[in-house]
């Protein structure tokens, strides 16, 4: 199936700084989306045995296309940070 371009559409990707989230951002850019790339950029977190994404990771994703990737540093569990 061929995907149609969606030039100008806007998408929000959470966990966008690394891994699957960063891959989703890349794919959406290829289709013409403007992407709001959201990540907490916490670096560390109690309860995980691995480091979380950092602001540098998010900046690397933004560098893919600075004109169409909008960085958002926020924790999705904090509703005030999302408004």
N, C-alpha and C. Protein backbone atom coordinates (compact mmCIF):
# COMPACT_ATOMS: atom_id res chain seq x y z
N UNK A 1 0.85 -1.18 0.00
CA UNK A 1 0.00 0.00 0.00
C UNK A 1 0.89 1.24 0.00
N UNK A 2 0.59 2.16 -0.87
CA UNK A 2 1.33 3.42 -0.94
C UNK A 2 0.68 4.43 -0.02
N UNK A 3 1.51 5.07 0.81
CA UNK A 3 1.00 6.08 1.72
C UNK A 3 0.95 7.42 1.01
N UNK A 4 -0.15 8.12 1.18
CA UNK A 4 -0.29 9.44 0.58
C UNK A 4 0.45 10.46 1.41
N UNK A 5 1.04 11.47 0.78
CA UNK A 5 1.67 12.55 1.54
C UNK A 5 0.60 13.36 2.27
N UNK A 6 0.97 13.92 3.38
CA UNK A 6 0.03 14.70 4.19
C UNK A 6 0.62 16.06 4.52
N UNK A 7 1.23 16.70 3.54
CA UNK A 7 1.93 17.96 3.75
C UNK A 7 1.12 18.94 4.61
N UNK A 8 1.78 19.41 5.68
CA UNK A 8 1.17 20.42 6.54
C UNK A 8 0.38 19.88 7.70
N UNK A 9 0.04 18.60 7.71
CA UNK A 9 -0.68 18.03 8.85
C UNK A 9 0.25 18.04 10.06
N UNK A 10 -0.33 18.07 11.24
CA UNK A 10 0.44 18.15 12.47
C UNK A 10 0.24 16.87 13.28
N UNK A 11 1.34 16.36 13.82
CA UNK A 11 1.30 15.17 14.67
C UNK A 11 2.01 15.46 15.97
N UNK A 12 1.58 14.79 17.03
CA UNK A 12 2.24 14.86 18.33
C UNK A 12 2.79 13.47 18.63
N UNK A 13 4.09 13.41 18.92
CA UNK A 13 4.73 12.14 19.25
C UNK A 13 5.29 12.25 20.66
N UNK A 14 4.85 11.38 21.55
CA UNK A 14 5.40 11.34 22.91
C UNK A 14 6.55 10.34 22.94
N UNK A 15 7.49 10.57 23.85
CA UNK A 15 8.67 9.72 23.91
C UNK A 15 9.51 9.87 22.64
N UNK A 16 9.54 11.08 22.11
CA UNK A 16 10.10 11.34 20.79
C UNK A 16 11.61 11.42 20.74
N UNK A 17 12.29 11.49 21.87
CA UNK A 17 13.72 11.75 21.86
C UNK A 17 14.58 10.55 21.49
N UNK A 18 14.04 9.33 21.65
CA UNK A 18 14.85 8.14 21.36
C UNK A 18 13.97 6.99 20.90
N UNK A 19 14.61 5.96 20.42
CA UNK A 19 13.95 4.70 20.13
C UNK A 19 12.79 4.79 19.17
N UNK A 20 11.70 4.11 19.52
CA UNK A 20 10.53 4.06 18.65
C UNK A 20 9.97 5.46 18.41
N UNK A 21 9.94 6.30 19.45
CA UNK A 21 9.42 7.65 19.28
C UNK A 21 10.19 8.43 18.23
N UNK A 22 11.51 8.36 18.29
CA UNK A 22 12.34 9.06 17.31
C UNK A 22 12.12 8.49 15.90
N UNK A 23 11.94 7.19 15.81
CA UNK A 23 11.68 6.56 14.52
C UNK A 23 10.34 7.02 13.95
N UNK A 24 9.34 7.17 14.81
CA UNK A 24 8.03 7.65 14.38
C UNK A 24 8.14 9.08 13.86
N UNK A 25 8.90 9.91 14.57
CA UNK A 25 9.11 11.29 14.10
C UNK A 25 9.71 11.27 12.70
N UNK A 26 10.73 10.46 12.51
CA UNK A 26 11.40 10.37 11.22
C UNK A 26 10.42 9.96 10.12
N UNK A 27 9.60 8.98 10.39
CA UNK A 27 8.62 8.49 9.41
C UNK A 27 7.57 9.55 9.08
N UNK A 28 7.10 10.25 10.12
CA UNK A 28 6.10 11.30 9.88
C UNK A 28 6.68 12.45 9.06
N UNK A 29 7.92 12.80 9.31
CA UNK A 29 8.57 13.84 8.51
C UNK A 29 8.64 13.43 7.05
N UNK A 30 8.94 12.18 6.80
CA UNK A 30 9.02 11.68 5.43
C UNK A 30 7.68 11.79 4.71
N UNK A 31 6.60 11.76 5.47
CA UNK A 31 5.26 11.86 4.87
C UNK A 31 4.77 13.30 4.78
N UNK A 32 5.53 14.26 5.33
CA UNK A 32 5.17 15.66 5.19
C UNK A 32 4.55 16.31 6.41
N UNK A 33 4.49 15.59 7.52
CA UNK A 33 3.92 16.14 8.74
C UNK A 33 4.82 17.21 9.36
N UNK A 34 4.22 18.12 10.09
CA UNK A 34 4.90 18.95 11.09
C UNK A 34 4.74 18.17 12.38
N UNK A 35 5.83 17.96 13.12
CA UNK A 35 5.78 17.09 14.28
C UNK A 35 6.13 17.86 15.56
N UNK A 36 5.26 17.76 16.54
CA UNK A 36 5.56 18.23 17.89
C UNK A 36 6.14 17.04 18.62
N UNK A 37 7.45 17.11 18.89
CA UNK A 37 8.19 16.00 19.48
C UNK A 37 8.30 16.22 20.98
N UNK A 38 7.56 15.44 21.74
CA UNK A 38 7.46 15.63 23.19
C UNK A 38 8.25 14.55 23.92
N UNK A 39 9.02 14.97 24.90
CA UNK A 39 9.73 14.04 25.77
C UNK A 39 10.01 14.74 27.09
N UNK A 40 10.07 13.97 28.15
CA UNK A 40 10.35 14.56 29.46
C UNK A 40 11.81 14.96 29.60
N UNK A 41 12.68 14.33 28.83
CA UNK A 41 14.13 14.61 28.89
C UNK A 41 14.64 14.54 30.32
N UNK A 42 14.16 13.55 31.06
CA UNK A 42 14.50 13.42 32.47
C UNK A 42 15.92 12.95 32.72
N UNK A 43 16.48 12.20 31.79
CA UNK A 43 17.84 11.70 31.97
C UNK A 43 17.90 10.50 32.89
N UNK A 44 17.32 10.61 34.06
CA UNK A 44 17.28 9.49 35.01
C UNK A 44 15.89 9.40 35.59
N UNK A 45 15.58 8.24 36.11
CA UNK A 45 14.27 8.07 36.72
C UNK A 45 14.32 6.94 37.72
N UNK A 46 13.71 7.17 38.85
CA UNK A 46 13.57 6.09 39.82
C UNK A 46 12.67 5.03 39.21
N UNK A 47 13.02 3.79 39.37
CA UNK A 47 12.18 2.73 38.86
C UNK A 47 12.64 2.17 37.53
N UNK A 48 13.65 2.77 36.91
CA UNK A 48 14.18 2.19 35.68
C UNK A 48 15.65 1.85 35.89
N UNK A 49 16.10 0.85 35.20
CA UNK A 49 17.49 0.43 35.34
C UNK A 49 18.37 1.00 34.22
N UNK A 50 17.81 1.93 33.47
CA UNK A 50 18.53 2.52 32.34
C UNK A 50 18.28 4.03 32.31
N UNK A 51 19.18 4.79 31.73
CA UNK A 51 18.96 6.23 31.65
C UNK A 51 17.86 6.56 30.64
N UNK A 52 17.10 7.57 30.96
CA UNK A 52 16.06 8.04 30.05
C UNK A 52 16.64 9.05 29.07
N UNK A 53 15.85 9.45 28.12
CA UNK A 53 16.29 10.41 27.12
C UNK A 53 16.67 11.74 27.76
N UNK A 54 17.55 12.45 27.09
CA UNK A 54 18.00 13.76 27.56
C UNK A 54 17.60 14.83 26.55
N UNK A 55 17.83 16.07 26.91
CA UNK A 55 17.56 17.18 26.00
C UNK A 55 18.44 17.05 24.76
N UNK A 56 19.66 16.56 24.92
CA UNK A 56 20.54 16.37 23.76
C UNK A 56 19.94 15.35 22.79
N UNK A 57 19.30 14.31 23.32
CA UNK A 57 18.64 13.33 22.45
C UNK A 57 17.50 14.00 21.67
N UNK A 58 16.71 14.82 22.36
CA UNK A 58 15.61 15.51 21.70
C UNK A 58 16.14 16.49 20.65
N UNK A 59 17.19 17.19 20.98
CA UNK A 59 17.80 18.13 20.03
C UNK A 59 18.27 17.41 18.76
N UNK A 60 18.76 16.18 18.91
CA UNK A 60 19.20 15.41 17.75
C UNK A 60 18.02 15.08 16.84
N UNK A 61 16.86 14.82 17.44
CA UNK A 61 15.66 14.55 16.65
C UNK A 61 15.21 15.82 15.93
N UNK A 62 15.25 16.94 16.64
CA UNK A 62 14.86 18.22 16.04
C UNK A 62 15.78 18.54 14.86
N UNK A 63 17.04 18.18 14.97
CA UNK A 63 18.01 18.47 13.91
C UNK A 63 17.67 17.76 12.60
N UNK A 64 16.80 16.73 12.64
CA UNK A 64 16.38 16.06 11.41
C UNK A 64 15.73 17.05 10.45
N UNK A 65 14.96 17.99 11.01
CA UNK A 65 14.27 19.01 10.20
C UNK A 65 13.78 20.11 11.13
N UNK A 66 14.67 21.04 11.49
CA UNK A 66 14.31 22.08 12.47
C UNK A 66 13.11 22.93 12.09
N UNK A 67 12.79 22.99 10.80
CA UNK A 67 11.64 23.78 10.37
C UNK A 67 10.32 23.07 10.61
N UNK A 68 10.35 21.74 10.77
CA UNK A 68 9.10 21.00 10.92
C UNK A 68 9.02 20.16 12.19
N UNK A 69 10.06 20.21 13.04
CA UNK A 69 10.01 19.49 14.31
C UNK A 69 10.03 20.52 15.43
N UNK A 70 8.98 20.52 16.23
CA UNK A 70 8.84 21.45 17.35
C UNK A 70 9.15 20.68 18.63
N UNK A 71 10.23 21.03 19.33
CA UNK A 71 10.55 20.30 20.56
C UNK A 71 9.64 20.74 21.71
N UNK A 72 9.19 19.77 22.48
CA UNK A 72 8.37 20.05 23.66
C UNK A 72 8.94 19.22 24.80
N UNK A 73 9.47 19.89 25.82
CA UNK A 73 9.97 19.19 26.99
C UNK A 73 8.89 19.23 28.06
N UNK A 74 8.29 18.08 28.31
CA UNK A 74 7.20 18.00 29.30
C UNK A 74 6.98 16.53 29.63
N UNK A 75 6.41 16.31 30.79
CA UNK A 75 6.03 14.98 31.23
C UNK A 75 4.53 14.83 30.97
N UNK A 76 4.13 13.82 30.22
CA UNK A 76 2.72 13.66 29.86
C UNK A 76 1.83 13.44 31.09
N UNK A 77 2.42 13.11 32.22
CA UNK A 77 1.63 12.93 33.44
C UNK A 77 1.31 14.26 34.11
N UNK A 78 1.92 15.36 33.63
CA UNK A 78 1.72 16.69 34.20
C UNK A 78 0.86 17.51 33.24
N UNK A 79 -0.45 17.53 33.48
CA UNK A 79 -1.37 18.21 32.57
C UNK A 79 -1.08 19.70 32.43
N UNK A 80 -0.61 20.35 33.49
CA UNK A 80 -0.28 21.77 33.39
C UNK A 80 0.89 22.00 32.42
N UNK A 81 1.82 21.07 32.38
CA UNK A 81 2.98 21.22 31.48
C UNK A 81 2.57 21.06 30.02
N UNK A 82 1.44 20.42 29.77
CA UNK A 82 1.00 20.18 28.40
C UNK A 82 0.16 21.28 27.82
N UNK A 83 -0.26 22.22 28.64
CA UNK A 83 -1.15 23.28 28.12
C UNK A 83 -0.37 24.48 27.62
